[in-house]
Amino acid sequence: MRKYFKYLNYIPGLLKMSLIKLLHFKQLKFSYKSYYPLSLKIVFKSKKSKVTIGRGFNARENVIFRVNGDLKIGSYVFFNANTRVECEKQIHIGNDVIFGPGVYIYDHDHTVIKGRKHKSNDLISDPVLIGNNVWIGTGTIILRKANIGDNSVVAAGSVLRQSIPSDVVFYQKRENRQKEIL
């Protein structure tokens, strides 16, 4: 009898996802065999936005997906608390991926030109690809052009904007630098 009470926690999140599916029919594909917390927020920024979530999805509180492009999340992916995914073009996350708390993923950044006023819509976007069986540590920031190979670990606090091969542990030593704006 107790095991059935556990599944009662799944119902509110599934109802919320079903409502989102009704509102964004062609834009959202998800599995009913997953746990969706009520605090999960999916923002479709345009009609071309697409979100695909595999089975076994699990997330803690305050996970946010803001999507203007194509966001694909594989099966058995876990998002810890306060994780944010900002997708303007393409973010693909493989199967069996674990995200620590406070991870940010961006597939875009802004253009900066000396003497020109900054605009929030001047974006440069490149795909972010995360392989299978990857563990992303607490507070990691993943930026455009990042490509993380299968079976890799990204250490806590890393800032990632490059390719990481399969079967490695990626960590960074901190060094402060500055560069003049061109």
N, C-alpha and C. Protein backbone atom coordinates (compact mmCIF):
# COMPACT_ATOMS: atom_id res chain seq x y z
N MET A 1 0.81 -1.20 0.00
CA MET A 1 0.00 0.00 0.00
C MET A 1 0.86 1.27 0.00
N ARG A 2 2.00 1.24 0.75
CA ARG A 2 2.85 2.41 0.83
C ARG A 2 3.42 2.83 -0.52
N LYS A 3 3.77 1.85 -1.33
CA LYS A 3 4.37 2.18 -2.62
C LYS A 3 3.41 2.98 -3.51
N TYR A 4 2.11 2.82 -3.33
CA TYR A 4 1.15 3.57 -4.12
C TYR A 4 1.09 5.03 -3.70
N PHE A 5 1.33 5.32 -2.41
CA PHE A 5 1.36 6.71 -1.94
C PHE A 5 2.51 7.48 -2.58
N LYS A 6 3.60 6.80 -2.82
CA LYS A 6 4.75 7.43 -3.47
C LYS A 6 4.35 8.01 -4.83
N TYR A 7 3.52 7.30 -5.56
CA TYR A 7 3.13 7.75 -6.89
C TYR A 7 2.13 8.89 -6.87
N LEU A 8 1.52 9.18 -5.74
CA LEU A 8 0.61 10.32 -5.64
C LEU A 8 1.36 11.63 -5.87
N ASN A 9 2.64 11.69 -5.54
CA ASN A 9 3.44 12.89 -5.77
C ASN A 9 3.61 13.18 -7.26
N TYR A 10 3.48 12.19 -8.10
CA TYR A 10 3.67 12.35 -9.54
C TYR A 10 2.46 13.03 -10.21
N ILE A 11 1.29 12.88 -9.64
CA ILE A 11 0.06 13.32 -10.29
C ILE A 11 0.01 14.83 -10.58
N PRO A 12 0.30 15.73 -9.62
CA PRO A 12 0.21 17.16 -9.94
C PRO A 12 1.13 17.58 -11.09
N GLY A 13 2.37 17.06 -11.10
CA GLY A 13 3.30 17.40 -12.17
C GLY A 13 2.84 16.89 -13.53
N LEU A 14 2.29 15.67 -13.55
CA LEU A 14 1.78 15.13 -14.81
C LEU A 14 0.58 15.93 -15.32
N LEU A 15 -0.25 16.37 -14.40
CA LEU A 15 -1.38 17.22 -14.80
C LEU A 15 -0.89 18.53 -15.40
N LYS A 16 0.12 19.12 -14.77
CA LYS A 16 0.69 20.36 -15.29
C LYS A 16 1.28 20.14 -16.68
N MET A 17 2.06 19.07 -16.85
CA MET A 17 2.67 18.78 -18.16
C MET A 17 1.60 18.50 -19.21
N SER A 18 0.52 17.84 -18.82
CA SER A 18 -0.57 17.58 -19.76
C SER A 18 -1.23 18.87 -20.21
N LEU A 19 -1.37 19.82 -19.29
CA LEU A 19 -1.94 21.12 -19.64
C LEU A 19 -1.01 21.87 -20.59
N ILE A 20 0.30 21.84 -20.31
CA ILE A 20 1.26 22.48 -21.22
C ILE A 20 1.19 21.82 -22.59
N LYS A 21 1.05 20.50 -22.62
CA LYS A 21 0.93 19.77 -23.89
C LYS A 21 -0.30 20.23 -24.67
N LEU A 22 -1.40 20.47 -23.97
CA LEU A 22 -2.60 20.97 -24.64
C LEU A 22 -2.38 22.35 -25.25
N LEU A 23 -1.66 23.19 -24.54
CA LEU A 23 -1.40 24.55 -25.02
C LEU A 23 -0.34 24.60 -26.11
N HIS A 24 0.61 23.69 -26.08
CA HIS A 24 1.73 23.67 -27.03
C HIS A 24 1.83 22.28 -27.66
N PHE A 25 0.78 21.85 -28.30
CA PHE A 25 0.62 20.48 -28.77
C PHE A 25 1.82 19.96 -29.56
N LYS A 26 2.21 20.66 -30.62
CA LYS A 26 3.28 20.18 -31.49
C LYS A 26 4.67 20.52 -30.95
N GLN A 27 4.73 21.37 -29.94
CA GLN A 27 6.02 21.84 -29.45
C GLN A 27 6.59 20.99 -28.31
N LEU A 28 5.77 20.16 -27.67
CA LEU A 28 6.22 19.41 -26.51
C LEU A 28 5.95 17.93 -26.68
N LYS A 29 7.01 17.13 -26.47
CA LYS A 29 6.87 15.67 -26.40
C LYS A 29 7.50 15.24 -25.09
N PHE A 30 6.77 14.45 -24.31
CA PHE A 30 7.30 14.00 -23.03
C PHE A 30 6.73 12.65 -22.67
N SER A 31 7.39 11.97 -21.74
CA SER A 31 6.97 10.66 -21.29
C SER A 31 6.16 10.80 -20.01
N TYR A 32 5.10 10.03 -19.91
CA TYR A 32 4.30 10.03 -18.69
C TYR A 32 4.98 9.23 -17.58
N LYS A 33 6.04 8.51 -17.92
CA LYS A 33 6.76 7.70 -16.93
C LYS A 33 7.96 8.48 -16.40
N SER A 34 7.67 9.66 -15.87
CA SER A 34 8.70 10.55 -15.35
C SER A 34 8.14 11.34 -14.19
N TYR A 35 9.04 12.04 -13.46
CA TYR A 35 8.61 12.89 -12.35
C TYR A 35 8.83 14.34 -12.74
N TYR A 36 7.75 15.11 -12.80
CA TYR A 36 7.80 16.52 -13.14
C TYR A 36 7.34 17.32 -11.92
N PRO A 37 8.25 18.03 -11.24
CA PRO A 37 7.81 18.81 -10.08
C PRO A 37 6.94 19.98 -10.53
N LEU A 38 6.07 20.44 -9.64
CA LEU A 38 5.21 21.58 -9.98
C LEU A 38 6.02 22.84 -10.27
N SER A 39 7.21 22.95 -9.67
CA SER A 39 8.02 24.15 -9.88
C SER A 39 8.79 24.13 -11.21
N LEU A 40 8.75 23.01 -11.97
CA LEU A 40 9.38 22.97 -13.28
C LEU A 40 8.72 23.99 -14.18
N LYS A 41 9.53 24.83 -14.79
CA LYS A 41 8.99 25.89 -15.65
C LYS A 41 9.54 25.71 -17.07
N ILE A 42 8.63 25.62 -18.03
CA ILE A 42 9.01 25.53 -19.44
C ILE A 42 8.43 26.76 -20.14
N VAL A 43 9.30 27.59 -20.70
CA VAL A 43 8.88 28.81 -21.39
C VAL A 43 9.15 28.62 -22.87
N PHE A 44 8.10 28.61 -23.67
CA PHE A 44 8.22 28.55 -25.12
C PHE A 44 8.30 29.99 -25.63
N LYS A 45 9.46 30.40 -26.13
CA LYS A 45 9.65 31.80 -26.53
C LYS A 45 9.11 32.10 -27.91
N SER A 46 8.82 31.07 -28.70
CA SER A 46 8.26 31.28 -30.04
C SER A 46 7.52 30.03 -30.48
N LYS A 47 6.86 30.12 -31.63
CA LYS A 47 6.13 28.97 -32.17
C LYS A 47 7.06 27.91 -32.74
N LYS A 48 8.32 28.28 -32.99
CA LYS A 48 9.28 27.30 -33.52
C LYS A 48 9.98 26.53 -32.40
N SER A 49 9.71 26.85 -31.15
CA SER A 49 10.31 26.15 -30.01
C SER A 49 9.86 24.70 -29.97
N LYS A 50 10.80 23.78 -29.66
CA LYS A 50 10.47 22.36 -29.52
C LYS A 50 11.20 21.80 -28.31
N VAL A 51 10.45 21.06 -27.49
CA VAL A 51 11.02 20.42 -26.31
C VAL A 51 10.65 18.94 -26.37
N THR A 52 11.66 18.07 -26.26
CA THR A 52 11.45 16.63 -26.20
C THR A 52 12.10 16.12 -24.92
N ILE A 53 11.33 15.41 -24.09
CA ILE A 53 11.83 14.89 -22.83
C ILE A 53 11.62 13.38 -22.81
N GLY A 54 12.70 12.62 -22.61
CA GLY A 54 12.63 11.17 -22.60
C GLY A 54 12.03 10.62 -21.31
N ARG A 55 11.86 9.32 -21.24
CA ARG A 55 11.26 8.69 -20.06
C ARG A 55 12.27 8.68 -18.90
N GLY A 56 11.73 8.59 -17.70
CA GLY A 56 12.57 8.55 -16.52
C GLY A 56 13.13 9.91 -16.12
N PHE A 57 12.60 11.00 -16.69
CA PHE A 57 13.03 12.35 -16.33
C PHE A 57 12.74 12.60 -14.86
N ASN A 58 13.64 13.31 -14.19
CA ASN A 58 13.43 13.66 -12.79
C ASN A 58 14.08 15.01 -12.53
N ALA A 59 13.42 15.85 -11.73
CA ALA A 59 13.96 17.17 -11.44
C ALA A 59 13.57 17.59 -10.04
N ARG A 60 14.40 18.42 -9.46
CA ARG A 60 14.08 19.03 -8.17
C ARG A 60 13.46 20.40 -8.44
N GLU A 61 13.33 21.20 -7.38
CA GLU A 61 12.62 22.47 -7.49
C GLU A 61 13.42 23.52 -8.29
N ASN A 62 12.65 24.44 -8.88
CA ASN A 62 13.18 25.62 -9.59
C ASN A 62 14.05 25.29 -10.79
N VAL A 63 13.66 24.31 -11.57
CA VAL A 63 14.33 24.02 -12.84
C VAL A 63 13.58 24.77 -13.92
N ILE A 64 14.32 25.51 -14.75
CA ILE A 64 13.70 26.37 -15.77
C ILE A 64 14.27 26.03 -17.14
N PHE A 65 13.38 25.83 -18.11
CA PHE A 65 13.75 25.69 -19.52
C PHE A 65 13.14 26.86 -20.28
N ARG A 66 13.99 27.71 -20.88
CA ARG A 66 13.51 28.79 -21.76
C ARG A 66 13.97 28.43 -23.17
N VAL A 67 13.00 28.19 -24.05
CA VAL A 67 13.32 27.58 -25.34
C VAL A 67 12.80 28.41 -26.51
N ASN A 68 13.72 28.69 -27.44
CA ASN A 68 13.37 29.33 -28.69
C ASN A 68 13.79 28.44 -29.86
N GLY A 69 14.50 27.37 -29.58
CA GLY A 69 15.00 26.45 -30.60
C GLY A 69 14.57 25.03 -30.32
N ASP A 70 15.53 24.10 -30.35
CA ASP A 70 15.26 22.67 -30.21
C ASP A 70 15.98 22.13 -28.97
N LEU A 71 15.24 21.80 -27.94
CA LEU A 71 15.78 21.23 -26.71
C LEU A 71 15.38 19.76 -26.65
N LYS A 72 16.38 18.87 -26.66
CA LYS A 72 16.11 17.42 -26.55
C LYS A 72 16.81 16.90 -25.31
N ILE A 73 16.03 16.24 -24.46
CA ILE A 73 16.54 15.66 -23.22
C ILE A 73 16.30 14.16 -23.30
N GLY A 74 17.36 13.38 -23.14
CA GLY A 74 17.27 11.93 -23.25
C GLY A 74 16.55 11.29 -22.08
N SER A 75 16.64 10.00 -22.00
CA SER A 75 15.98 9.23 -20.94
C SER A 75 16.83 9.19 -19.67
N TYR A 76 16.16 9.13 -18.54
CA TYR A 76 16.78 9.00 -17.22
C TYR A 76 17.78 10.13 -16.94
N VAL A 77 17.33 11.34 -17.19
CA VAL A 77 18.12 12.54 -16.92
C VAL A 77 17.60 13.17 -15.62
N PHE A 78 18.53 13.59 -14.76
CA PHE A 78 18.17 14.20 -13.48
C PHE A 78 18.70 15.62 -13.41
N PHE A 79 17.81 16.57 -13.15
CA PHE A 79 18.17 17.97 -12.96
C PHE A 79 18.02 18.31 -11.49
N ASN A 80 19.12 18.72 -10.85
CA ASN A 80 19.04 19.12 -9.45
C ASN A 80 18.49 20.54 -9.35
N ALA A 81 18.30 21.02 -8.14
CA ALA A 81 17.63 22.30 -7.89
C ALA A 81 18.34 23.47 -8.56
N ASN A 82 17.54 24.46 -8.95
CA ASN A 82 18.01 25.75 -9.47
C ASN A 82 18.87 25.63 -10.73
N THR A 83 18.52 24.69 -11.58
CA THR A 83 19.21 24.53 -12.86
C THR A 83 18.42 25.26 -13.93
N ARG A 84 19.14 25.89 -14.85
CA ARG A 84 18.50 26.70 -15.89
C ARG A 84 19.08 26.32 -17.25
N VAL A 85 18.19 26.13 -18.22
CA VAL A 85 18.58 25.81 -19.60
C VAL A 85 17.98 26.87 -20.51
N GLU A 86 18.85 27.61 -21.21
CA GLU A 86 18.42 28.67 -22.13
C GLU A 86 18.79 28.25 -23.55
N CYS A 87 17.79 27.92 -24.35
CA CYS A 87 18.03 27.36 -25.68
C CYS A 87 17.49 28.30 -26.76
N GLU A 88 18.39 28.89 -27.52
CA GLU A 88 17.99 29.73 -28.66
C GLU A 88 18.02 28.95 -29.97
N LYS A 89 18.90 27.97 -30.08
CA LYS A 89 19.06 27.22 -31.33
C LYS A 89 18.94 25.72 -31.09
N GLN A 90 19.92 25.13 -30.37
CA GLN A 90 19.91 23.67 -30.21
C GLN A 90 20.71 23.25 -28.98
N ILE A 91 20.04 22.50 -28.10
CA ILE A 91 20.70 21.85 -26.97
C ILE A 91 20.20 20.42 -26.94
N HIS A 92 21.13 19.47 -27.02
CA HIS A 92 20.79 18.05 -26.96
C HIS A 92 21.52 17.43 -25.77
N ILE A 93 20.76 16.78 -24.90
CA ILE A 93 21.29 16.13 -23.70
C ILE A 93 21.03 14.64 -23.85
N GLY A 94 22.06 13.83 -23.70
CA GLY A 94 21.95 12.39 -23.89
C GLY A 94 21.21 11.69 -22.75
N ASN A 95 21.32 10.37 -22.71
CA ASN A 95 20.67 9.55 -21.69
C ASN A 95 21.55 9.44 -20.44
N ASP A 96 20.91 9.21 -19.29
CA ASP A 96 21.61 8.95 -18.03
C ASP A 96 22.56 10.08 -17.64
N VAL A 97 22.10 11.32 -17.75
CA VAL A 97 22.90 12.49 -17.40
C VAL A 97 22.41 13.04 -16.06
N ILE A 98 23.36 13.43 -15.21
CA ILE A 98 23.04 13.99 -13.89
C ILE A 98 23.58 15.41 -13.83
N PHE A 99 22.72 16.36 -13.43
CA PHE A 99 23.12 17.75 -13.24
C PHE A 99 23.10 18.08 -11.76
N GLY A 100 24.19 18.62 -11.24
CA GLY A 100 24.22 19.09 -9.86
C GLY A 100 23.40 20.37 -9.74
N PRO A 101 23.24 20.87 -8.52
CA PRO A 101 22.46 22.10 -8.33
C PRO A 101 23.14 23.31 -8.96
N GLY A 102 22.32 24.24 -9.43
CA GLY A 102 22.83 25.51 -9.92
C GLY A 102 23.59 25.46 -11.22
N VAL A 103 23.31 24.49 -12.06
CA VAL A 103 23.97 24.40 -13.37
C VAL A 103 23.22 25.29 -14.36
N TYR A 104 23.95 26.06 -15.16
CA TYR A 104 23.36 26.90 -16.21
C TYR A 104 23.88 26.43 -17.55
N ILE A 105 22.97 26.32 -18.52
CA ILE A 105 23.35 25.92 -19.88
C ILE A 105 22.82 26.96 -20.85
N TYR A 106 23.71 27.55 -21.65
CA TYR A 106 23.34 28.55 -22.64
C TYR A 106 23.93 28.16 -23.99
N ASP A 107 23.12 28.16 -25.04
CA ASP A 107 23.66 27.90 -26.37
C ASP A 107 23.90 29.20 -27.14
N HIS A 108 23.94 30.31 -26.43
CA HIS A 108 24.08 31.62 -27.08
C HIS A 108 24.81 32.59 -26.15
N ASP A 109 25.33 33.64 -26.76
CA ASP A 109 25.81 34.78 -26.00
C ASP A 109 25.59 36.03 -26.84
N HIS A 110 26.05 37.15 -26.36
CA HIS A 110 25.74 38.42 -26.99
C HIS A 110 26.96 38.97 -27.72
N THR A 111 26.72 39.73 -28.78
CA THR A 111 27.80 40.40 -29.48
C THR A 111 28.17 41.66 -28.70
N VAL A 112 29.45 41.94 -28.65
CA VAL A 112 29.94 43.14 -27.98
C VAL A 112 30.85 43.86 -28.96
N ILE A 113 30.46 45.08 -29.34
CA ILE A 113 31.25 45.87 -30.28
C ILE A 113 31.52 47.22 -29.64
N LYS A 114 32.79 47.62 -29.62
CA LYS A 114 33.20 48.87 -28.99
C LYS A 114 32.46 50.05 -29.63
N GLY A 115 31.94 50.91 -28.79
CA GLY A 115 31.26 52.12 -29.25
C GLY A 115 29.81 51.90 -29.65
N ARG A 116 29.34 50.69 -29.59
CA ARG A 116 27.96 50.40 -29.98
C ARG A 116 27.14 50.06 -28.74
N LYS A 117 25.93 50.53 -28.72
CA LYS A 117 25.03 50.27 -27.59
C LYS A 117 24.71 48.78 -27.53
N HIS A 118 24.73 48.24 -26.32
CA HIS A 118 24.43 46.82 -26.15
C HIS A 118 22.93 46.57 -26.31
N LYS A 119 22.59 45.51 -27.02
CA LYS A 119 21.19 45.13 -27.23
C LYS A 119 21.00 43.70 -26.75
N SER A 120 19.86 43.45 -26.12
CA SER A 120 19.62 42.11 -25.58
C SER A 120 19.30 41.09 -26.66
N ASN A 121 18.95 41.55 -27.86
CA ASN A 121 18.58 40.60 -28.92
C ASN A 121 19.69 40.36 -29.94
N ASP A 122 20.88 40.92 -29.74
CA ASP A 122 22.03 40.64 -30.60
C ASP A 122 22.69 39.36 -30.12
N LEU A 123 22.24 38.23 -30.63
CA LEU A 123 22.70 36.94 -30.12
C LEU A 123 23.52 36.18 -31.15
N ILE A 124 24.52 35.46 -30.66
CA ILE A 124 25.28 34.50 -31.46
C ILE A 124 24.96 33.14 -30.84
N SER A 125 24.55 32.18 -31.65
CA SER A 125 24.13 30.88 -31.11
C SER A 125 24.83 29.73 -31.82
N ASP A 126 25.25 28.76 -31.03
CA ASP A 126 25.85 27.52 -31.54
C ASP A 126 25.34 26.36 -30.68
N PRO A 127 25.25 25.16 -31.24
CA PRO A 127 24.70 24.03 -30.49
C PRO A 127 25.52 23.65 -29.25
N VAL A 128 24.82 23.11 -28.28
CA VAL A 128 25.42 22.50 -27.09
C VAL A 128 25.01 21.03 -27.12
N LEU A 129 26.00 20.13 -27.05
CA LEU A 129 25.74 18.70 -27.10
C LEU A 129 26.36 18.03 -25.87
N ILE A 130 25.54 17.30 -25.14
CA ILE A 130 26.00 16.59 -23.95
C ILE A 130 25.73 15.11 -24.19
N GLY A 131 26.77 14.28 -24.09
CA GLY A 131 26.66 12.86 -24.40
C GLY A 131 25.91 12.06 -23.35
N ASN A 132 26.02 10.75 -23.44
CA ASN A 132 25.37 9.83 -22.51
C ASN A 132 26.24 9.59 -21.28
N ASN A 133 25.57 9.30 -20.15
CA ASN A 133 26.25 8.95 -18.91
C ASN A 133 27.26 10.02 -18.49
N VAL A 134 26.79 11.26 -18.43
CA VAL A 134 27.63 12.41 -18.07
C VAL A 134 27.16 12.95 -16.73
N TRP A 135 28.11 13.39 -15.91
CA TRP A 135 27.79 14.00 -14.62
C TRP A 135 28.33 15.43 -14.65
N ILE A 136 27.44 16.40 -14.47
CA ILE A 136 27.80 17.81 -14.47
C ILE A 136 27.75 18.31 -13.03
N GLY A 137 28.87 18.78 -12.50
CA GLY A 137 28.96 19.18 -11.10
C GLY A 137 28.26 20.49 -10.78
N THR A 138 28.07 20.73 -9.49
CA THR A 138 27.40 21.91 -8.96
C THR A 138 27.99 23.21 -9.52
N GLY A 139 27.10 24.13 -9.90
CA GLY A 139 27.52 25.46 -10.30
C GLY A 139 28.25 25.55 -11.62
N THR A 140 28.21 24.54 -12.42
CA THR A 140 28.86 24.56 -13.73
C THR A 140 28.07 25.44 -14.69
N ILE A 141 28.79 26.17 -15.53
CA ILE A 141 28.17 26.98 -16.58
C ILE A 141 28.64 26.41 -17.91
N ILE A 142 27.67 25.99 -18.73
CA ILE A 142 27.98 25.42 -20.04
C ILE A 142 27.54 26.42 -21.09
N LEU A 143 28.48 26.86 -21.93
CA LEU A 143 28.22 27.90 -22.92
C LEU A 143 28.19 27.33 -24.34
N ARG A 144 27.81 28.17 -25.28
CA ARG A 144 27.69 27.74 -26.68
C ARG A 144 28.97 27.07 -27.16
N LYS A 145 28.83 26.18 -28.10
CA LYS A 145 29.90 25.37 -28.70
C LYS A 145 30.38 24.23 -27.81
N ALA A 146 29.83 24.08 -26.61
CA ALA A 146 30.27 22.99 -25.74
C ALA A 146 29.79 21.66 -26.29
N ASN A 147 30.67 20.68 -26.26
CA ASN A 147 30.35 19.33 -26.73
C ASN A 147 31.01 18.38 -25.74
N ILE A 148 30.21 17.73 -24.91
CA ILE A 148 30.73 16.87 -23.85
C ILE A 148 30.56 15.42 -24.27
N GLY A 149 31.65 14.67 -24.32
CA GLY A 149 31.62 13.27 -24.75
C GLY A 149 30.99 12.36 -23.72
N ASP A 150 30.68 11.15 -24.14
CA ASP A 150 30.06 10.14 -23.28
C ASP A 150 30.95 9.80 -22.08
N ASN A 151 30.31 9.39 -20.98
CA ASN A 151 30.99 8.88 -19.79
C ASN A 151 31.97 9.87 -19.17
N SER A 152 31.68 11.16 -19.27
CA SER A 152 32.57 12.18 -18.74
C SER A 152 31.99 12.82 -17.49
N VAL A 153 32.87 13.45 -16.72
CA VAL A 153 32.49 14.18 -15.51
C VAL A 153 33.03 15.59 -15.64
N VAL A 154 32.18 16.58 -15.35
CA VAL A 154 32.60 17.98 -15.35
C VAL A 154 32.58 18.43 -13.89
N ALA A 155 33.74 18.85 -13.38
CA ALA A 155 33.88 19.20 -11.96
C ALA A 155 33.06 20.44 -11.62
N ALA A 156 32.71 20.54 -10.35
CA ALA A 156 31.91 21.67 -9.85
C ALA A 156 32.60 23.00 -10.15
N GLY A 157 31.79 24.00 -10.49
CA GLY A 157 32.29 25.35 -10.71
C GLY A 157 32.98 25.56 -12.04
N SER A 158 32.94 24.61 -12.93
CA SER A 158 33.60 24.75 -14.22
C SER A 158 32.81 25.68 -15.14
N VAL A 159 33.53 26.35 -16.03
CA VAL A 159 32.93 27.13 -17.10
C VAL A 159 33.40 26.47 -18.39
N LEU A 160 32.45 26.03 -19.19
CA LEU A 160 32.76 25.16 -20.31
C LEU A 160 32.30 25.77 -21.62
N ARG A 161 33.25 25.92 -22.58
CA ARG A 161 32.90 26.45 -23.90
C ARG A 161 33.69 25.71 -24.99
N GLN A 162 34.06 24.50 -24.72
CA GLN A 162 34.84 23.75 -25.68
C GLN A 162 34.40 22.29 -25.69
N SER A 163 35.03 21.51 -26.54
CA SER A 163 34.72 20.09 -26.60
C SER A 163 35.50 19.34 -25.54
N ILE A 164 34.81 18.38 -24.92
CA ILE A 164 35.41 17.50 -23.92
C ILE A 164 35.30 16.09 -24.48
N PRO A 165 36.41 15.36 -24.59
CA PRO A 165 36.32 14.00 -25.15
C PRO A 165 35.59 13.05 -24.20
N SER A 166 35.27 11.89 -24.68
CA SER A 166 34.63 10.86 -23.86
C SER A 166 35.60 10.34 -22.80
N ASP A 167 35.03 9.85 -21.70
CA ASP A 167 35.79 9.15 -20.66
C ASP A 167 36.86 10.01 -19.98
N VAL A 168 36.53 11.28 -19.68
CA VAL A 168 37.48 12.15 -18.97
C VAL A 168 36.79 12.86 -17.81
N VAL A 169 37.61 13.32 -16.86
CA VAL A 169 37.15 14.23 -15.82
C VAL A 169 37.69 15.61 -16.19
N PHE A 170 36.80 16.57 -16.37
CA PHE A 170 37.20 17.93 -16.74
C PHE A 170 37.14 18.81 -15.50
N TYR A 171 38.23 19.52 -15.21
CA TYR A 171 38.25 20.48 -14.11
C TYR A 171 39.10 21.67 -14.54
N GLN A 172 38.97 22.77 -13.81
CA GLN A 172 39.69 23.98 -14.17
C GLN A 172 40.46 24.51 -12.98
N LYS A 173 41.63 25.06 -13.28
CA LYS A 173 42.37 25.85 -12.30
C LYS A 173 42.02 27.31 -12.60
N ARG A 174 41.71 28.05 -11.58
CA ARG A 174 41.27 29.44 -11.77
C ARG A 174 42.45 30.37 -12.02
N GLU A 175 42.26 31.26 -13.01
CA GLU A 175 43.24 32.27 -13.33
C GLU A 175 42.47 33.50 -13.82
N ASN A 176 42.73 34.64 -13.23
CA ASN A 176 42.03 35.86 -13.62
C ASN A 176 42.72 36.51 -14.81
N ARG A 177 41.92 36.85 -15.81
CA ARG A 177 42.43 37.54 -17.01
C ARG A 177 41.44 38.62 -17.40
N GLN A 178 41.93 39.59 -18.17
CA GLN A 178 41.03 40.58 -18.74
C GLN A 178 41.46 40.89 -20.15
N LYS A 179 40.48 41.33 -20.94
CA LYS A 179 40.73 41.57 -22.36
C LYS A 179 40.01 42.87 -22.73
N GLU A 180 40.67 43.70 -23.52
CA GLU A 180 40.07 44.95 -23.95
C GLU A 180 38.96 44.69 -24.96
N ILE A 181 37.85 45.42 -24.84
CA ILE A 181 36.75 45.28 -25.79
C ILE A 181 37.17 45.89 -27.12
N LEU A 182 36.99 45.15 -28.20
CA LEU A 182 37.36 45.62 -29.55
C LEU A 182 36.23 46.36 -30.21
